[in-house]
Amino acid sequence: MASNFSTTIFILTVLISSSLSWRPASTEPVPNPTPTPWPLQFHSILVMRYNGENQIIDLWYDWPKGRNFNIIRHQLGNVLYDLEWNNGTSFFYTLDSSRQCSTAQLEVGILRPNWLDGANYLGQREVDGFLCNVWEKVDFIWYYEDVETKRPVHWRFYTGREAHVMTFEVGAALEDEHWQAPVYCFESDDNKRSESHPLLQPHLSSTISKEWASQKF
């Protein structure tokens, strides 16, 4: 009799404890993930693909000093240096014997760290071996970010141009002496300020910046 009573008390205790610890499942929707803002400084190696041509870009981003640098190695061609400043000034030049240089003045400066704010979340996709969250910004760029590390993996533009992010070094900074455009960029030559100059080929940062100016990201 005492044993049955003890068993009953134990069962009641378990039931009461379970009822006290139970909570109804939340009915609030889970918010969509948002893109991770860019770090204030980073270095990235990108493989750009467009119309069957490959480019390798060394991208140096330095928001505190208001500057962005792309060193573009064409598959068949020279090395192009694209130096961009937050006042909208960009220098496009070579460092070989051709001494080519062109400048441009854009309506906006370099991309701000949170330039992806307001992007439309599309879900998850696997790309380049990574499971990524994907966002779309004003029907212009599709941005892929690794779900686990929050590292950018892949960018696809409405033109068909694609960027594969091979490395992403947070906090890496290029020495100041490398940020100076060559002296021949400042020589008086009207042709060097023409946006139709052959050096002004569309690529990652200048493409985004020009679209940003027109779309008002």
C-alpha atoms as a PDB file:
ATOM      1  CA  MET A   1       0.000   0.000   0.000  1.00  0.00           C
ATOM      2  CA  ALA A   2       2.783   2.400   0.966  1.00  0.00           C
ATOM      3  CA  SER A   3       4.617   1.474  -2.230  1.00  0.00           C
ATOM      4  CA  ASN A   4       1.565   2.293  -4.400  1.00  0.00           C
ATOM      5  CA  PHE A   5       1.129   5.612  -2.583  1.00  0.00           C
ATOM      6  CA  SER A   6       4.783   6.544  -3.164  1.00  0.00           C
ATOM      7  CA  THR A   7       4.501   5.673  -6.843  1.00  0.00           C
ATOM      8  CA  THR A   8       1.390   7.820  -7.208  1.00  0.00           C
ATOM      9  CA  ILE A   9       3.088  10.784  -5.509  1.00  0.00           C
ATOM     10  CA  PHE A  10       6.116  10.419  -7.830  1.00  0.00           C
ATOM     11  CA  ILE A  11       3.949  10.375 -10.972  1.00  0.00           C
ATOM     12  CA  LEU A  12       1.993  13.444  -9.819  1.00  0.00           C
ATOM     13  CA  THR A  13       5.238  15.280  -9.076  1.00  0.00           C
ATOM     14  CA  VAL A  14       6.575  14.552 -12.567  1.00  0.00           C
ATOM     15  CA  LEU A  15       3.330  15.650 -14.213  1.00  0.00           C
ATOM     16  CA  ILE A  16       3.188  18.903 -12.231  1.00  0.00           C
ATOM     17  CA  SER A  17       6.844  19.681 -12.994  1.00  0.00           C
ATOM     18  CA  SER A  18       6.292  19.008 -16.684  1.00  0.00           C
ATOM     19  CA  SER A  19       3.234  21.243 -16.819  1.00  0.00           C
ATOM     20  CA  LEU A  20       5.077  24.080 -15.086  1.00  0.00           C
ATOM     21  CA  SER A  21       8.056  23.875 -17.468  1.00  0.00           C
ATOM     22  CA  TRP A  22       5.970  23.647 -20.652  1.00  0.00           C
ATOM     23  CA  ARG A  23       5.721  26.756 -22.777  1.00  0.00           C
ATOM     24  CA  PRO A  24       3.631  27.165 -25.913  1.00  0.00           C
ATOM     25  CA  ALA A  25       5.595  27.307 -29.159  1.00  0.00           C
ATOM     26  CA  SER A  26       6.258  30.843 -30.370  1.00  0.00           C
ATOM     27  CA  THR A  27       4.016  31.935 -33.214  1.00  0.00           C
ATOM     28  CA  GLU A  28       6.218  34.899 -34.127  1.00  0.00           C
ATOM     29  CA  PRO A  29       7.834  34.532 -37.573  1.00  0.00           C
ATOM     30  CA  VAL A  30      11.596  34.096 -37.663  1.00  0.00           C
ATOM     31  CA  PRO A  31      13.118  37.238 -39.213  1.00  0.00           C
ATOM     32  CA  ASN A  32      15.086  36.862 -42.409  1.00  0.00           C
ATOM     33  CA  PRO A  33      18.867  37.100 -42.053  1.00  0.00           C
ATOM     34  CA  THR A  34      20.516  40.339 -43.114  1.00  0.00           C
ATOM     35  CA  PRO A  35      23.844  40.765 -44.935  1.00  0.00           C
ATOM     36  CA  THR A  36      26.877  41.228 -42.710  1.00  0.00           C
ATOM     37  CA  PRO A  37      28.317  44.742 -43.138  1.00  0.00           C
ATOM     38  CA  TRP A  38      31.744  44.858 -44.692  1.00  0.00           C
ATOM     39  CA  PRO A  39      34.625  45.212 -42.223  1.00  0.00           C
ATOM     40  CA  LEU A  40      36.217  48.659 -42.186  1.00  0.00           C
ATOM     41  CA  GLN A  41      39.382  47.254 -43.763  1.00  0.00           C
ATOM     42  CA  PHE A  42      39.949  44.056 -45.707  1.00  0.00           C
ATOM     43  CA  HIS A  43      41.892  42.474 -48.561  1.00  0.00           C
ATOM     44  CA  SER A  44      40.266  40.045 -50.941  1.00  0.00           C
ATOM     45  CA  ILE A  45      41.350  38.119 -54.026  1.00  0.00           C
ATOM     46  CA  LEU A  46      38.547  37.782 -56.559  1.00  0.00           C
ATOM     47  CA  VAL A  47      38.206  35.809 -59.768  1.00  0.00           C
ATOM     48  CA  MET A  48      35.978  37.772 -62.150  1.00  0.00           C
ATOM     49  CA  ARG A  49      34.309  36.014 -65.068  1.00  0.00           C
ATOM     50  CA  TYR A  50      32.508  37.660 -67.958  1.00  0.00           C
ATOM     51  CA  ASN A  51      31.943  36.587 -71.561  1.00  0.00           C
ATOM     52  CA  GLY A  52      34.459  33.778 -71.229  1.00  0.00           C
ATOM     53  CA  GLU A  53      37.227  36.046 -69.951  1.00  0.00           C
ATOM     54  CA  ASN A  54      38.796  35.746 -66.507  1.00  0.00           C
ATOM     55  CA  GLN A  55      40.339  38.472 -64.378  1.00  0.00           C
ATOM     56  CA  ILE A  56      42.066  38.246 -61.017  1.00  0.00           C
ATOM     57  CA  ILE A  57      41.494  41.257 -58.780  1.00  0.00           C
ATOM     58  CA  ASP A  58      43.339  42.212 -55.624  1.00  0.00           C
ATOM     59  CA  LEU A  59      40.768  44.280 -53.756  1.00  0.00           C
ATOM     60  CA  TRP A  60      41.940  46.510 -50.901  1.00  0.00           C
ATOM     61  CA  TYR A  61      39.119  48.221 -49.002  1.00  0.00           C
ATOM     62  CA  ASP A  62      39.966  50.964 -46.507  1.00  0.00           C
ATOM     63  CA  TRP A  63      36.885  52.784 -45.248  1.00  0.00           C
ATOM     64  CA  PRO A  64      38.555  54.779 -42.402  1.00  0.00           C
ATOM     65  CA  LYS A  65      40.848  56.469 -44.951  1.00  0.00           C
ATOM     66  CA  GLY A  66      38.140  56.748 -47.592  1.00  0.00           C
ATOM     67  CA  ARG A  67      39.810  54.699 -50.307  1.00  0.00           C
ATOM     68  CA  ASN A  68      39.454  51.531 -52.347  1.00  0.00           C
ATOM     69  CA  PHE A  69      42.055  49.905 -54.604  1.00  0.00           C
ATOM     70  CA  ASN A  70      41.595  47.257 -57.298  1.00  0.00           C
ATOM     71  CA  ILE A  71      44.645  45.699 -58.946  1.00  0.00           C
ATOM     72  CA  ILE A  72      43.217  43.973 -62.007  1.00  0.00           C
ATOM     73  CA  ARG A  73      45.144  41.290 -63.852  1.00  0.00           C
ATOM     74  CA  HIS A  74      43.547  40.509 -67.186  1.00  0.00           C
ATOM     75  CA  GLN A  75      43.717  37.038 -68.662  1.00  0.00           C
ATOM     76  CA  LEU A  76      45.126  38.459 -71.905  1.00  0.00           C
ATOM     77  CA  GLY A  77      46.448  41.927 -71.305  1.00  0.00           C
ATOM     78  CA  ASN A  78      48.188  44.268 -68.931  1.00  0.00           C
ATOM     79  CA  VAL A  79      47.678  44.992 -65.260  1.00  0.00           C
ATOM     80  CA  LEU A  80      45.212  47.807 -64.571  1.00  0.00           C
ATOM     81  CA  TYR A  81      45.273  49.776 -61.328  1.00  0.00           C
ATOM     82  CA  ASP A  82      41.975  51.287 -60.218  1.00  0.00           C
ATOM     83  CA  LEU A  83      42.361  53.694 -57.305  1.00  0.00           C
ATOM     84  CA  GLU A  84      39.122  55.129 -55.898  1.00  0.00           C
ATOM     85  CA  TRP A  85      38.588  57.829 -53.286  1.00  0.00           C
ATOM     86  CA  ASN A  86      35.571  58.763 -51.205  1.00  0.00           C
ATOM     87  CA  ASN A  87      35.296  62.160 -52.901  1.00  0.00           C
ATOM     88  CA  GLY A  88      34.288  60.344 -56.101  1.00  0.00           C
ATOM     89  CA  THR A  89      37.672  60.632 -57.823  1.00  0.00           C
ATOM     90  CA  SER A  90      39.005  57.511 -59.524  1.00  0.00           C
ATOM     91  CA  PHE A  91      42.335  56.906 -61.244  1.00  0.00           C
ATOM     92  CA  PHE A  92      42.724  54.115 -63.804  1.00  0.00           C
ATOM     93  CA  TYR A  93      46.324  53.552 -64.819  1.00  0.00           C
ATOM     94  CA  THR A  94      49.094  51.170 -65.784  1.00  0.00           C
ATOM     95  CA  LEU A  95      52.617  51.075 -64.380  1.00  0.00           C
ATOM     96  CA  ASP A  96      54.294  49.693 -67.488  1.00  0.00           C
ATOM     97  CA  SER A  97      56.108  51.580 -70.236  1.00  0.00           C
ATOM     98  CA  SER A  98      52.824  52.669 -71.849  1.00  0.00           C
ATOM     99  CA  ARG A  99      52.239  55.107 -68.952  1.00  0.00           C
ATOM    100  CA  GLN A 100      48.492  55.122 -69.525  1.00  0.00           C
ATOM    101  CA  CYS A 101      46.183  56.913 -67.125  1.00  0.00           C
ATOM    102  CA  SER A 102      42.567  57.999 -67.079  1.00  0.00           C
ATOM    103  CA  THR A 103      40.549  59.713 -64.373  1.00  0.00           C
ATOM    104  CA  ALA A 104      36.846  59.862 -63.628  1.00  0.00           C
ATOM    105  CA  GLN A 105      34.644  61.792 -61.240  1.00  0.00           C
ATOM    106  CA  LEU A 106      31.673  59.794 -59.968  1.00  0.00           C
ATOM    107  CA  GLU A 107      28.661  61.158 -58.115  1.00  0.00           C
ATOM    108  CA  VAL A 108      29.387  58.922 -55.140  1.00  0.00           C
ATOM    109  CA  GLY A 109      32.485  57.756 -53.311  1.00  0.00           C
ATOM    110  CA  ILE A 110      33.502  54.240 -52.382  1.00  0.00           C
ATOM    111  CA  LEU A 111      30.967  51.728 -51.136  1.00  0.00           C
ATOM    112  CA  ARG A 112      30.065  52.220 -47.504  1.00  0.00           C
ATOM    113  CA  PRO A 113      30.322  49.159 -45.207  1.00  0.00           C
ATOM    114  CA  ASN A 114      26.527  48.793 -44.991  1.00  0.00           C
ATOM    115  CA  TRP A 115      25.827  49.322 -48.697  1.00  0.00           C
ATOM    116  CA  LEU A 116      23.716  46.141 -48.729  1.00  0.00           C
ATOM    117  CA  ASP A 117      21.175  47.504 -46.236  1.00  0.00           C
ATOM    118  CA  GLY A 118      17.656  46.940 -47.542  1.00  0.00           C
ATOM    119  CA  ALA A 119      18.620  44.040 -49.822  1.00  0.00           C
ATOM    120  CA  ASN A 120      15.879  41.494 -50.532  1.00  0.00           C
ATOM    121  CA  TYR A 121      16.494  38.057 -48.976  1.00  0.00           C
ATOM    122  CA  LEU A 122      16.039  35.188 -51.453  1.00  0.00           C
ATOM    123  CA  GLY A 123      16.834  32.156 -49.290  1.00  0.00           C
ATOM    124  CA  GLN A 124      19.760  29.744 -49.301  1.00  0.00           C
ATOM    125  CA  ARG A 125      21.760  28.382 -52.218  1.00  0.00           C
ATOM    126  CA  GLU A 126      24.934  26.333 -52.531  1.00  0.00           C
ATOM    127  CA  VAL A 127      27.701  27.955 -54.564  1.00  0.00           C
ATOM    128  CA  ASP A 128      31.438  27.245 -54.837  1.00  0.00           C
ATOM    129  CA  GLY A 129      31.026  24.494 -52.237  1.00  0.00           C
ATOM    130  CA  PHE A 130      29.444  26.753 -49.584  1.00  0.00           C
ATOM    131  CA  LEU A 131      25.882  26.938 -48.292  1.00  0.00           C
ATOM    132  CA  CYS A 132      25.055  30.616 -48.637  1.00  0.00           C
ATOM    133  CA  ASN A 133      22.373  33.100 -47.742  1.00  0.00           C
ATOM    134  CA  VAL A 134      21.470  35.077 -50.857  1.00  0.00           C
ATOM    135  CA  TRP A 135      20.257  38.666 -51.215  1.00  0.00           C
ATOM    136  CA  GLU A 136      19.322  40.772 -54.218  1.00  0.00           C
ATOM    137  CA  LYS A 137      19.824  44.533 -54.365  1.00  0.00           C
ATOM    138  CA  VAL A 138      17.692  46.639 -56.741  1.00  0.00           C
ATOM    139  CA  ASP A 139      17.799  43.960 -59.477  1.00  0.00           C
ATOM    140  CA  PHE A 140      21.473  44.798 -59.896  1.00  0.00           C
ATOM    141  CA  ILE A 141      23.546  42.432 -57.758  1.00  0.00           C
ATOM    142  CA  TRP A 142      22.971  39.027 -56.159  1.00  0.00           C
ATOM    143  CA  TYR A 143      25.145  38.670 -53.073  1.00  0.00           C
ATOM    144  CA  TYR A 144      26.069  35.257 -51.613  1.00  0.00           C
ATOM    145  CA  GLU A 145      27.351  34.965 -48.024  1.00  0.00           C
ATOM    146  CA  ASP A 146      28.494  31.807 -46.216  1.00  0.00           C
ATOM    147  CA  VAL A 147      25.849  30.808 -43.667  1.00  0.00           C
ATOM    148  CA  GLU A 148      28.380  29.763 -41.014  1.00  0.00           C
ATOM    149  CA  THR A 149      31.227  32.272 -41.290  1.00  0.00           C
ATOM    150  CA  LYS A 150      29.271  35.254 -42.736  1.00  0.00           C
ATOM    151  CA  ARG A 151      32.093  35.618 -45.259  1.00  0.00           C
ATOM    152  CA  PRO A 152      31.204  36.801 -48.789  1.00  0.00           C
ATOM    153  CA  VAL A 153      31.499  33.972 -51.310  1.00  0.00           C
ATOM    154  CA  HIS A 154      30.056  35.057 -54.649  1.00  0.00           C
ATOM    155  CA  TRP A 155      28.630  38.145 -56.348  1.00  0.00           C
ATOM    156  CA  ARG A 156      26.588  38.068 -59.540  1.00  0.00           C
ATOM    157  CA  PHE A 157      25.666  41.175 -61.505  1.00  0.00           C
ATOM    158  CA  TYR A 158      22.680  41.762 -63.784  1.00  0.00           C
ATOM    159  CA  THR A 159      25.102  42.004 -66.738  1.00  0.00           C
ATOM    160  CA  GLY A 160      26.195  38.390 -66.210  1.00  0.00           C
ATOM    161  CA  ARG A 161      29.512  39.361 -64.654  1.00  0.00           C
ATOM    162  CA  GLU A 162      30.423  37.125 -61.699  1.00  0.00           C
ATOM    163  CA  ALA A 163      32.916  37.519 -58.858  1.00  0.00           C
ATOM    164  CA  HIS A 164      34.175  34.474 -56.965  1.00  0.00           C
ATOM    165  CA  VAL A 165      35.667  35.485 -53.605  1.00  0.00           C
ATOM    166  CA  MET A 166      38.771  33.350 -53.157  1.00  0.00           C
ATOM    167  CA  THR A 167      40.197  34.990 -50.004  1.00  0.00           C
ATOM    168  CA  PHE A 168      38.864  37.504 -47.491  1.00  0.00           C
ATOM    169  CA  GLU A 169      41.345  38.928 -44.957  1.00  0.00           C
ATOM    170  CA  VAL A 170      39.588  41.089 -42.376  1.00  0.00           C
ATOM    171  CA  GLY A 171      41.734  43.953 -41.081  1.00  0.00           C
ATOM    172  CA  ALA A 172      44.403  43.661 -43.783  1.00  0.00           C
ATOM    173  CA  ALA A 173      45.723  47.052 -44.914  1.00  0.00           C
ATOM    174  CA  LEU A 174      47.931  48.122 -47.815  1.00  0.00           C
ATOM    175  CA  GLU A 175      50.831  50.454 -47.006  1.00  0.00           C
ATOM    176  CA  ASP A 176      50.207  54.139 -47.703  1.00  0.00           C
ATOM    177  CA  GLU A 177      52.919  54.468 -50.356  1.00  0.00           C
ATOM    178  CA  HIS A 178      50.974  52.155 -52.671  1.00  0.00           C
ATOM    179  CA  TRP A 179      47.960  54.476 -52.729  1.00  0.00           C
ATOM    180  CA  GLN A 180      49.642  57.221 -54.760  1.00  0.00           C
ATOM    181  CA  ALA A 181      48.700  57.488 -58.437  1.00  0.00           C
ATOM    182  CA  PRO A 182      51.706  58.018 -60.759  1.00  0.00           C
ATOM    183  CA  VAL A 183      52.738  61.549 -61.675  1.00  0.00           C
ATOM    184  CA  TYR A 184      51.593  61.206 -65.292  1.00  0.00           C
ATOM    185  CA  CYS A 185      47.998  60.939 -64.059  1.00  0.00           C
ATOM    186  CA  PHE A 186      48.231  64.623 -63.128  1.00  0.00           C
ATOM    187  CA  GLU A 187      49.628  65.892 -66.418  1.00  0.00           C
ATOM    188  CA  SER A 188      47.410  68.269 -68.375  1.00  0.00           C
ATOM    189  CA  ASP A 189      45.695  66.126 -70.955  1.00  0.00           C
ATOM    190  CA  ASP A 190      41.968  66.362 -71.694  1.00  0.00           C
ATOM    191  CA  ASN A 191      41.913  62.815 -73.014  1.00  0.00           C
ATOM    192  CA  LYS A 192      42.925  61.512 -69.627  1.00  0.00           C
ATOM    193  CA  ARG A 193      39.725  62.836 -68.127  1.00  0.00           C
ATOM    194  CA  SER A 194      37.418  61.267 -70.672  1.00  0.00           C
ATOM    195  CA  GLU A 195      35.145  58.509 -69.409  1.00  0.00           C
ATOM    196  CA  SER A 196      35.323  56.944 -72.877  1.00  0.00           C
ATOM    197  CA  HIS A 197      39.026  56.271 -72.402  1.00  0.00           C
ATOM    198  CA  PRO A 198      39.827  52.598 -73.209  1.00  0.00           C
ATOM    199  CA  LEU A 199      41.242  52.080 -69.720  1.00  0.00           C
ATOM    200  CA  LEU A 200      37.817  52.685 -68.221  1.00  0.00           C
ATOM    201  CA  GLN A 201      36.573  49.128 -68.551  1.00  0.00           C
ATOM    202  CA  PRO A 202      33.667  48.063 -66.307  1.00  0.00           C
ATOM    203  CA  HIS A 203      34.659  45.903 -63.364  1.00  0.00           C
ATOM    204  CA  LEU A 204      33.728  45.274 -59.759  1.00  0.00           C
ATOM    205  CA  SER A 205      33.906  48.503 -57.764  1.00  0.00           C
ATOM    206  CA  SER A 206      33.440  51.060 -60.524  1.00  0.00           C
ATOM    207  CA  THR A 207      30.456  49.090 -61.825  1.00  0.00           C
ATOM    208  CA  ILE A 208      28.828  49.018 -58.383  1.00  0.00           C
ATOM    209  CA  SER A 209      29.627  52.681 -57.740  1.00  0.00           C
ATOM    210  CA  LYS A 210      28.154  53.874 -61.037  1.00  0.00           C
ATOM    211  CA  GLU A 211      25.020  51.808 -60.512  1.00  0.00           C
ATOM    212  CA  TRP A 212      24.841  53.090 -56.948  1.00  0.00           C
ATOM    213  CA  ALA A 213      24.863  56.648 -58.281  1.00  0.00           C
ATOM    214  CA  SER A 214      21.976  55.909 -60.648  1.00  0.00           C
ATOM    215  CA  GLN A 215      19.916  53.711 -58.315  1.00  0.00           C
ATOM    216  CA  LYS A 216      20.571  55.639 -55.088  1.00  0.00           C
ATOM    217  CA  PHE A 217      21.214  52.505 -52.990  1.00  0.00           C
END
